[in-house]
Amino acid sequence: MPRRVAVERDLSAIGDHLAENGLEVERVDMTNLTPSRLQGYGAVVISGQTTNFMGMEDIKTKVPVIEAAGKTADEITAMVKERLQLQD
């Protein structure tokens, strides 16, 4: 599974924390993220401010989408690593 993680641009501190923990982070604009492009990532971290991810209510993806709202950078990193099946 790819170690590459898409992180919503507004979440720069989260992206930095993930990168410091050995993950390849790409900051993305969620409005430009297509279902086919999603397949290049092991996980996607979104702010949670938009409930209609990518403008489509019925999007289906095998890529884990992690909502950052109410979580610390450590919690998000642990969730990403768990979903990517990475060991500390």
PDB file of N, CA and C in Angstrom:
ATOM      1  N   MET A   1       0.854  -1.178   0.000  1.00  0.00           N
ATOM      2  CA  MET A   1       0.000   0.000   0.000  1.00  0.00           C
ATOM      3  C   MET A   1       0.898   1.239   0.000  1.00  0.00           C
ATOM      4  N   PRO A   2       0.536   2.253  -0.779  1.00  0.00           N
ATOM      5  CA  PRO A   2       1.376   3.448  -0.853  1.00  0.00           C
ATOM      6  C   PRO A   2       1.512   4.153   0.497  1.00  0.00           C
ATOM      7  N   ARG A   3       2.706   4.678   0.752  1.00  0.00           N
ATOM      8  CA  ARG A   3       2.954   5.466   1.959  1.00  0.00           C
ATOM      9  C   ARG A   3       2.634   6.934   1.696  1.00  0.00           C
ATOM     10  N   ARG A   4       2.163   7.233   0.510  1.00  0.00           N
ATOM     11  CA  ARG A   4       1.846   8.598   0.125  1.00  0.00           C
ATOM     12  C   ARG A   4       0.480   8.974   0.686  1.00  0.00           C
ATOM     13  N   VAL A   5       0.423  10.140   1.320  1.00  0.00           N
ATOM     14  CA  VAL A   5      -0.808  10.590   1.963  1.00  0.00           C
ATOM     15  C   VAL A   5      -1.198  11.954   1.389  1.00  0.00           C
ATOM     16  N   ALA A   6      -2.439  12.081   0.975  1.00  0.00           N
ATOM     17  CA  ALA A   6      -2.970  13.372   0.523  1.00  0.00           C
ATOM     18  C   ALA A   6      -3.517  14.093   1.750  1.00  0.00           C
ATOM     19  N   VAL A   7      -3.110  15.348   1.904  1.00  0.00           N
ATOM     20  CA  VAL A   7      -3.560  16.146   3.046  1.00  0.00           C
ATOM     21  C   VAL A   7      -4.143  17.450   2.511  1.00  0.00           C
ATOM     22  N   GLU A   8      -5.334  17.775   2.950  1.00  0.00           N
ATOM     23  CA  GLU A   8      -5.979  19.014   2.539  1.00  0.00           C
ATOM     24  C   GLU A   8      -5.068  20.199   2.845  1.00  0.00           C
ATOM     25  N   ARG A   9      -4.949  21.122   1.900  1.00  0.00           N
ATOM     26  CA  ARG A   9      -4.015  22.258   2.021  1.00  0.00           C
ATOM     27  C   ARG A   9      -4.147  23.023   3.336  1.00  0.00           C
ATOM     28  N   ASP A  10      -5.335  23.149   3.855  1.00  0.00           N
ATOM     29  CA  ASP A  10      -5.559  23.905   5.092  1.00  0.00           C
ATOM     30  C   ASP A  10      -4.952  23.225   6.313  1.00  0.00           C
ATOM     31  N   LEU A  11      -4.502  22.002   6.165  1.00  0.00           N
ATOM     32  CA  LEU A  11      -3.995  21.225   7.295  1.00  0.00           C
ATOM     33  C   LEU A  11      -2.470  21.114   7.245  1.00  0.00           C
ATOM     34  N   SER A  12      -1.785  22.231   7.063  1.00  0.00           N
ATOM     35  CA  SER A  12      -0.338  22.193   6.885  1.00  0.00           C
ATOM     36  C   SER A  12       0.394  21.630   8.098  1.00  0.00           C
ATOM     37  N   ALA A  13      -0.064  21.936   9.306  1.00  0.00           N
ATOM     38  CA  ALA A  13       0.599  21.405  10.506  1.00  0.00           C
ATOM     39  C   ALA A  13       0.457  19.883  10.571  1.00  0.00           C
ATOM     40  N   ILE A  14      -0.685  19.374  10.174  1.00  0.00           N
ATOM     41  CA  ILE A  14      -0.896  17.924  10.140  1.00  0.00           C
ATOM     42  C   ILE A  14       0.020  17.300   9.086  1.00  0.00           C
ATOM     43  N   GLY A  15       0.094  17.922   7.930  1.00  0.00           N
ATOM     44  CA  GLY A  15       0.967  17.422   6.870  1.00  0.00           C
ATOM     45  C   GLY A  15       2.418  17.396   7.315  1.00  0.00           C
ATOM     46  N   ASP A  16       2.854  18.451   7.991  1.00  0.00           N
ATOM     47  CA  ASP A  16       4.229  18.504   8.497  1.00  0.00           C
ATOM     48  C   ASP A  16       4.484  17.374   9.489  1.00  0.00           C
ATOM     49  N   HIS A  17       3.529  17.133  10.372  1.00  0.00           N
ATOM     50  CA  HIS A  17       3.672  16.093  11.388  1.00  0.00           C
ATOM     51  C   HIS A  17       3.748  14.712  10.735  1.00  0.00           C
ATOM     52  N   LEU A  18       2.925  14.469   9.743  1.00  0.00           N
ATOM     53  CA  LEU A  18       2.963  13.193   9.037  1.00  0.00           C
ATOM     54  C   LEU A  18       4.311  13.000   8.345  1.00  0.00           C
ATOM     55  N   ALA A  19       4.815  14.067   7.706  1.00  0.00           N
ATOM     56  CA  ALA A  19       6.109  13.988   7.025  1.00  0.00           C
ATOM     57  C   ALA A  19       7.236  13.715   8.018  1.00  0.00           C
ATOM     58  N   GLU A  20       7.173  14.343   9.187  1.00  0.00           N
ATOM     59  CA  GLU A  20       8.184  14.119  10.228  1.00  0.00           C
ATOM     60  C   GLU A  20       8.162  12.683  10.735  1.00  0.00           C
ATOM     61  N   ASN A  21       7.045  12.002  10.506  1.00  0.00           N
ATOM     62  CA  ASN A  21       6.903  10.611  10.937  1.00  0.00           C
ATOM     63  C   ASN A  21       7.099   9.625   9.787  1.00  0.00           C
ATOM     64  N   GLY A  22       7.787  10.066   8.742  1.00  0.00           N
ATOM     65  CA  GLY A  22       8.204   9.165   7.672  1.00  0.00           C
ATOM     66  C   GLY A  22       7.238   8.925   6.545  1.00  0.00           C
ATOM     67  N   LEU A  23       6.178   9.707   6.462  1.00  0.00           N
ATOM     68  CA  LEU A  23       5.218   9.523   5.373  1.00  0.00           C
ATOM     69  C   LEU A  23       5.461  10.543   4.276  1.00  0.00           C
ATOM     70  N   GLU A  24       5.159  10.162   3.059  1.00  0.00           N
ATOM     71  CA  GLU A  24       5.270  11.066   1.922  1.00  0.00           C
ATOM     72  C   GLU A  24       3.947  11.833   1.828  1.00  0.00           C
ATOM     73  N   VAL A  25       4.004  13.137   2.020  1.00  0.00           N
ATOM     74  CA  VAL A  25       2.801  13.955   2.096  1.00  0.00           C
ATOM     75  C   VAL A  25       2.678  14.833   0.863  1.00  0.00           C
ATOM     76  N   GLU A  26       1.487  14.862   0.303  1.00  0.00           N
ATOM     77  CA  GLU A  26       1.188  15.789  -0.781  1.00  0.00           C
ATOM     78  C   GLU A  26      -0.007  16.631  -0.350  1.00  0.00           C
ATOM     79  N   ARG A  27       0.196  17.931  -0.330  1.00  0.00           N
ATOM     80  CA  ARG A  27      -0.900  18.837   0.021  1.00  0.00           C
ATOM     81  C   ARG A  27      -1.755  19.038  -1.225  1.00  0.00           C
ATOM     82  N   VAL A  28      -3.046  18.824  -1.068  1.00  0.00           N
ATOM     83  CA  VAL A  28      -3.931  18.840  -2.225  1.00  0.00           C
ATOM     84  C   VAL A  28      -5.138  19.752  -1.988  1.00  0.00           C
ATOM     85  N   ASP A  29      -5.674  20.207  -3.085  1.00  0.00           N
ATOM     86  CA  ASP A  29      -6.934  20.951  -3.081  1.00  0.00           C
ATOM     87  C   ASP A  29      -8.017  19.916  -3.347  1.00  0.00           C
ATOM     88  N   MET A  30      -8.874  19.703  -2.398  1.00  0.00           N
ATOM     89  CA  MET A  30      -9.867  18.640  -2.503  1.00  0.00           C
ATOM     90  C   MET A  30     -10.791  18.802  -3.703  1.00  0.00           C
ATOM     91  N   THR A  31     -10.988  20.004  -4.182  1.00  0.00           N
ATOM     92  CA  THR A  31     -11.873  20.196  -5.333  1.00  0.00           C
ATOM     93  C   THR A  31     -11.243  19.662  -6.617  1.00  0.00           C
ATOM     94  N   ASN A  32      -9.910  19.487  -6.635  1.00  0.00           N
ATOM     95  CA  ASN A  32      -9.225  18.983  -7.823  1.00  0.00           C
ATOM     96  C   ASN A  32      -8.836  17.513  -7.708  1.00  0.00           C
ATOM     97  N   LEU A  33      -9.267  16.862  -6.670  1.00  0.00           N
ATOM     98  CA  LEU A  33      -8.886  15.469  -6.438  1.00  0.00           C
ATOM     99  C   LEU A  33      -9.950  14.551  -7.036  1.00  0.00           C
ATOM    100  N   THR A  34      -9.580  13.851  -8.102  1.00  0.00           N
ATOM    101  CA  THR A  34     -10.515  12.967  -8.792  1.00  0.00           C
ATOM    102  C   THR A  34     -10.436  11.550  -8.228  1.00  0.00           C
ATOM    103  N   PRO A  35     -11.477  10.752  -8.431  1.00  0.00           N
ATOM    104  CA  PRO A  35     -11.434   9.368  -7.943  1.00  0.00           C
ATOM    105  C   PRO A  35     -10.235   8.586  -8.481  1.00  0.00           C
ATOM    106  N   SER A  36      -9.865   8.791  -9.733  1.00  0.00           N
ATOM    107  CA  SER A  36      -8.720   8.058 -10.277  1.00  0.00           C
ATOM    108  C   SER A  36      -7.410   8.522  -9.633  1.00  0.00           C
ATOM    109  N   ARG A  37      -7.305   9.786  -9.317  1.00  0.00           N
ATOM    110  CA  ARG A  37      -6.100  10.309  -8.668  1.00  0.00           C
ATOM    111  C   ARG A  37      -5.999   9.829  -7.220  1.00  0.00           C
ATOM    112  N   LEU A  38      -7.128   9.585  -6.598  1.00  0.00           N
ATOM    113  CA  LEU A  38      -7.152   9.080  -5.226  1.00  0.00           C
ATOM    114  C   LEU A  38      -6.398   7.767  -5.085  1.00  0.00           C
ATOM    115  N   GLN A  39      -6.414   6.959  -6.123  1.00  0.00           N
ATOM    116  CA  GLN A  39      -5.812   5.634  -6.049  1.00  0.00           C
ATOM    117  C   GLN A  39      -4.299   5.682  -5.859  1.00  0.00           C
ATOM    118  N   GLY A  40      -3.677   6.846  -6.051  1.00  0.00           N
ATOM    119  CA  GLY A  40      -2.247   6.979  -5.851  1.00  0.00           C
ATOM    120  C   GLY A  40      -1.865   7.219  -4.403  1.00  0.00           C
ATOM    121  N   TYR A  41      -2.853   7.267  -3.521  1.00  0.00           N
ATOM    122  CA  TYR A  41      -2.591   7.563  -2.110  1.00  0.00           C
ATOM    123  C   TYR A  41      -2.971   6.383  -1.234  1.00  0.00           C
ATOM    124  N   GLY A  42      -2.262   6.276  -0.097  1.00  0.00           N
ATOM    125  CA  GLY A  42      -2.604   5.258   0.883  1.00  0.00           C
ATOM    126  C   GLY A  42      -3.688   5.718   1.824  1.00  0.00           C
ATOM    127  N   ALA A  43      -3.834   7.062   1.951  1.00  0.00           N
ATOM    128  CA  ALA A  43      -4.863   7.654   2.814  1.00  0.00           C
ATOM    129  C   ALA A  43      -5.037   9.118   2.417  1.00  0.00           C
ATOM    130  N   VAL A  44      -6.179   9.664   2.803  1.00  0.00           N
ATOM    131  CA  VAL A  44      -6.484  11.074   2.561  1.00  0.00           C
ATOM    132  C   VAL A  44      -6.929  11.675   3.886  1.00  0.00           C
ATOM    133  N   VAL A  45      -6.351  12.834   4.235  1.00  0.00           N
ATOM    134  CA  VAL A  45      -6.731  13.522   5.468  1.00  0.00           C
ATOM    135  C   VAL A  45      -7.440  14.809   5.080  1.00  0.00           C
ATOM    136  N   ILE A  46      -8.684  14.947   5.551  1.00  0.00           N
ATOM    137  CA  ILE A  46      -9.484  16.126   5.246  1.00  0.00           C
ATOM    138  C   ILE A  46      -9.804  16.875   6.540  1.00  0.00           C
ATOM    139  N   SER A  47     -10.148  18.153   6.388  1.00  0.00           N
ATOM    140  CA  SER A  47     -10.437  18.976   7.568  1.00  0.00           C
ATOM    141  C   SER A  47     -11.750  18.597   8.227  1.00  0.00           C
ATOM    142  N   GLY A  48     -12.684  18.133   7.443  1.00  0.00           N
ATOM    143  CA  GLY A  48     -13.999  17.802   7.984  1.00  0.00           C
ATOM    144  C   GLY A  48     -14.955  18.974   7.897  1.00  0.00           C
ATOM    145  N   GLN A  49     -14.484  20.095   7.370  1.00  0.00           N
ATOM    146  CA  GLN A  49     -15.349  21.261   7.245  1.00  0.00           C
ATOM    147  C   GLN A  49     -16.330  21.106   6.097  1.00  0.00           C
ATOM    148  N   THR A  50     -15.964  20.273   5.139  1.00  0.00           N
ATOM    149  CA  THR A  50     -16.889  20.003   4.041  1.00  0.00           C
ATOM    150  C   THR A  50     -17.363  18.571   4.163  1.00  0.00           C
ATOM    151  N   THR A  51     -18.642  18.395   4.319  1.00  0.00           N
ATOM    152  CA  THR A  51     -19.180  17.047   4.459  1.00  0.00           C
ATOM    153  C   THR A  51     -19.373  16.383   3.110  1.00  0.00           C
ATOM    154  N   ASN A  52     -19.405  17.158   2.037  1.00  0.00           N
ATOM    155  CA  ASN A  52     -19.601  16.631   0.702  1.00  0.00           C
ATOM    156  C   ASN A  52     -18.226  16.529   0.038  1.00  0.00           C
ATOM    157  N   PHE A  53     -17.463  15.496   0.394  1.00  0.00           N
ATOM    158  CA  PHE A  53     -16.103  15.287  -0.072  1.00  0.00           C
ATOM    159  C   PHE A  53     -16.039  15.253  -1.593  1.00  0.00           C
ATOM    160  N   MET A  54     -15.214  16.083  -2.177  1.00  0.00           N
ATOM    161  CA  MET A  54     -14.988  16.187  -3.611  1.00  0.00           C
ATOM    162  C   MET A  54     -16.241  16.582  -4.388  1.00  0.00           C
ATOM    163  N   GLY A  55     -17.226  17.148  -3.722  1.00  0.00           N
ATOM    164  CA  GLY A  55     -18.419  17.584  -4.430  1.00  0.00           C
ATOM    165  C   GLY A  55     -19.338  16.456  -4.836  1.00  0.00           C
ATOM    166  N   MET A  56     -19.067  15.255  -4.334  1.00  0.00           N
ATOM    167  CA  MET A  56     -19.879  14.103  -4.704  1.00  0.00           C
ATOM    168  C   MET A  56     -20.297  13.366  -3.446  1.00  0.00           C
ATOM    169  N   GLU A  57     -21.566  13.272  -3.229  1.00  0.00           N
ATOM    170  CA  GLU A  57     -22.060  12.594  -2.035  1.00  0.00           C
ATOM    171  C   GLU A  57     -21.878  11.087  -2.121  1.00  0.00           C
ATOM    172  N   ASP A  58     -21.821  10.542  -3.328  1.00  0.00           N
ATOM    173  CA  ASP A  58     -21.806   9.094  -3.482  1.00  0.00           C
ATOM    174  C   ASP A  58     -20.454   8.536  -3.893  1.00  0.00           C
ATOM    175  N   ILE A  59     -19.377   9.277  -3.648  1.00  0.00           N
ATOM    176  CA  ILE A  59     -18.054   8.793  -4.052  1.00  0.00           C
ATOM    177  C   ILE A  59     -17.702   7.512  -3.299  1.00  0.00           C
ATOM    178  N   LYS A  60     -17.149   6.573  -4.030  1.00  0.00           N
ATOM    179  CA  LYS A  60     -16.723   5.319  -3.426  1.00  0.00           C
ATOM    180  C   LYS A  60     -15.240   5.176  -3.687  1.00  0.00           C
ATOM    181  N   THR A  61     -14.505   4.878  -2.637  1.00  0.00           N
ATOM    182  CA  THR A  61     -13.074   4.693  -2.765  1.00  0.00           C
ATOM    183  C   THR A  61     -12.595   3.688  -1.738  1.00  0.00           C
ATOM    184  N   LYS A  62     -11.545   2.972  -2.078  1.00  0.00           N
ATOM    185  CA  LYS A  62     -10.943   2.045  -1.139  1.00  0.00           C
ATOM    186  C   LYS A  62      -9.896   2.755  -0.286  1.00  0.00           C
ATOM    187  N   VAL A  63      -9.590   3.982  -0.633  1.00  0.00           N
ATOM    188  CA  VAL A  63      -8.594   4.759   0.096  1.00  0.00           C
ATOM    189  C   VAL A  63      -9.232   5.295   1.375  1.00  0.00           C
ATOM    190  N   PRO A  64      -8.607   5.056   2.530  1.00  0.00           N
ATOM    191  CA  PRO A  64      -9.166   5.565   3.782  1.00  0.00           C
ATOM    192  C   PRO A  64      -9.173   7.096   3.803  1.00  0.00           C
ATOM    193  N   VAL A  65     -10.298   7.658   4.185  1.00  0.00           N
ATOM    194  CA  VAL A  65     -10.437   9.104   4.332  1.00  0.00           C
ATOM    195  C   VAL A  65     -10.541   9.378   5.829  1.00  0.00           C
ATOM    196  N   ILE A  66      -9.603  10.187   6.335  1.00  0.00           N
ATOM    197  CA  ILE A  66      -9.541  10.489   7.761  1.00  0.00           C
ATOM    198  C   ILE A  66      -9.922  11.944   7.974  1.00  0.00           C
ATOM    199  N   GLU A  67     -10.942  12.155   8.783  1.00  0.00           N
ATOM    200  CA  GLU A  67     -11.391  13.509   9.100  1.00  0.00           C
ATOM    201  C   GLU A  67     -10.588  14.022  10.296  1.00  0.00           C
ATOM    202  N   ALA A  68      -9.949  15.180  10.125  1.00  0.00           N
ATOM    203  CA  ALA A  68      -9.057  15.726  11.151  1.00  0.00           C
ATOM    204  C   ALA A  68      -9.779  16.484  12.262  1.00  0.00           C
ATOM    205  N   ALA A  69     -11.007  16.866  12.042  1.00  0.00           N
ATOM    206  CA  ALA A  69     -11.739  17.689  13.015  1.00  0.00           C
ATOM    207  C   ALA A  69     -11.746  17.043  14.393  1.00  0.00           C
ATOM    208  N   GLY A  70     -11.267  17.793  15.394  1.00  0.00           N
ATOM    209  CA  GLY A  70     -11.296  17.343  16.775  1.00  0.00           C
ATOM    210  C   GLY A  70     -10.194  16.370  17.160  1.00  0.00           C
ATOM    211  N   LYS A  71      -9.234  16.142  16.257  1.00  0.00           N
ATOM    212  CA  LYS A  71      -8.155  15.202  16.544  1.00  0.00           C
ATOM    213  C   LYS A  71      -6.810  15.925  16.581  1.00  0.00           C
ATOM    214  N   THR A  72      -5.883  15.399  17.379  1.00  0.00           N
ATOM    215  CA  THR A  72      -4.537  15.968  17.425  1.00  0.00           C
ATOM    216  C   THR A  72      -3.712  15.399  16.273  1.00  0.00           C
ATOM    217  N   ALA A  73      -2.574  16.036  16.023  1.00  0.00           N
ATOM    218  CA  ALA A  73      -1.665  15.555  14.978  1.00  0.00           C
ATOM    219  C   ALA A  73      -1.198  14.138  15.293  1.00  0.00           C
ATOM    220  N   ASP A  74      -0.931  13.846  16.563  1.00  0.00           N
ATOM    221  CA  ASP A  74      -0.515  12.497  16.961  1.00  0.00           C
ATOM    222  C   ASP A  74      -1.612  11.472  16.700  1.00  0.00           C
ATOM    223  N   GLU A  75      -2.850  11.833  17.005  1.00  0.00           N
ATOM    224  CA  GLU A  75      -3.971  10.912  16.770  1.00  0.00           C
ATOM    225  C   GLU A  75      -4.130  10.626  15.276  1.00  0.00           C
ATOM    226  N   ILE A  76      -4.019  11.660  14.455  1.00  0.00           N
ATOM    227  CA  ILE A  76      -4.171  11.495  13.006  1.00  0.00           C
ATOM    228  C   ILE A  76      -3.034  10.639  12.456  1.00  0.00           C
ATOM    229  N   THR A  77      -1.812  10.899  12.923  1.00  0.00           N
ATOM    230  CA  THR A  77      -0.662  10.105  12.479  1.00  0.00           C
ATOM    231  C   THR A  77      -0.858   8.638  12.840  1.00  0.00           C
ATOM    232  N   ALA A  78      -1.318   8.367  14.045  1.00  0.00           N
ATOM    233  CA  ALA A  78      -1.569   6.982  14.467  1.00  0.00           C
ATOM    234  C   ALA A  78      -2.643   6.339  13.590  1.00  0.00           C
ATOM    235  N   MET A  79      -3.689   7.095  13.268  1.00  0.00           N
ATOM    236  CA  MET A  79      -4.764   6.562  12.425  1.00  0.00           C
ATOM    237  C   MET A  79      -4.253   6.247  11.025  1.00  0.00           C
ATOM    238  N   VAL A  80      -3.449   7.149  10.469  1.00  0.00           N
ATOM    239  CA  VAL A  80      -2.903   6.932   9.125  1.00  0.00           C
ATOM    240  C   VAL A  80      -2.009   5.700   9.133  1.00  0.00           C
ATOM    241  N   LYS A  81      -1.113   5.610  10.111  1.00  0.00           N
ATOM    242  CA  LYS A  81      -0.206   4.464  10.173  1.00  0.00           C
ATOM    243  C   LYS A  81      -0.974   3.154  10.356  1.00  0.00           C
ATOM    244  N   GLU A  82      -2.026   3.196  11.150  1.00  0.00           N
ATOM    245  CA  GLU A  82      -2.852   1.994  11.343  1.00  0.00           C
ATOM    246  C   GLU A  82      -3.481   1.571  10.032  1.00  0.00           C
ATOM    247  N   ARG A  83      -4.029   2.507   9.308  1.00  0.00           N
ATOM    248  CA  ARG A  83      -4.698   2.185   8.047  1.00  0.00           C
ATOM    249  C   ARG A  83      -3.702   1.739   6.984  1.00  0.00           C
ATOM    250  N   LEU A  84      -2.470   2.261   7.060  1.00  0.00           N
ATOM    251  CA  LEU A  84      -1.440   1.853   6.100  1.00  0.00           C
ATOM    252  C   LEU A  84      -0.696   0.605   6.583  1.00  0.00           C
ATOM    253  N   GLN A  85      -1.068   0.139   7.769  1.00  0.00           N
ATOM    254  CA  GLN A  85      -0.462  -1.032   8.389  1.00  0.00           C
ATOM    255  C   GLN A  85       1.037  -0.864   8.559  1.00  0.00           C
ATOM    256  N   LEU A  86       1.425   0.312   9.074  1.00  0.00           N
ATOM    257  CA  LEU A  86       2.833   0.607   9.341  1.00  0.00           C
ATOM    258  C   LEU A  86       3.107   0.434  10.817  1.00  0.00           C
ATOM    259  N   GLN A  87       4.272  -0.023  11.129  1.00  0.00           N
ATOM    260  CA  GLN A  87       4.689  -0.180  12.518  1.00  0.00           C
ATOM    261  C   GLN A  87       5.529   1.036  12.918  1.00  0.00           C
ATOM    262  N   ASP A  88       5.470   1.415  14.179  1.00  0.00           N
ATOM    263  CA  ASP A  88       6.317   2.504  14.677  1.00  0.00           C
ATOM    264  C   ASP A  88       7.751   2.050  14.796  1.00  0.00           C
TER     265      ASP A  88
END
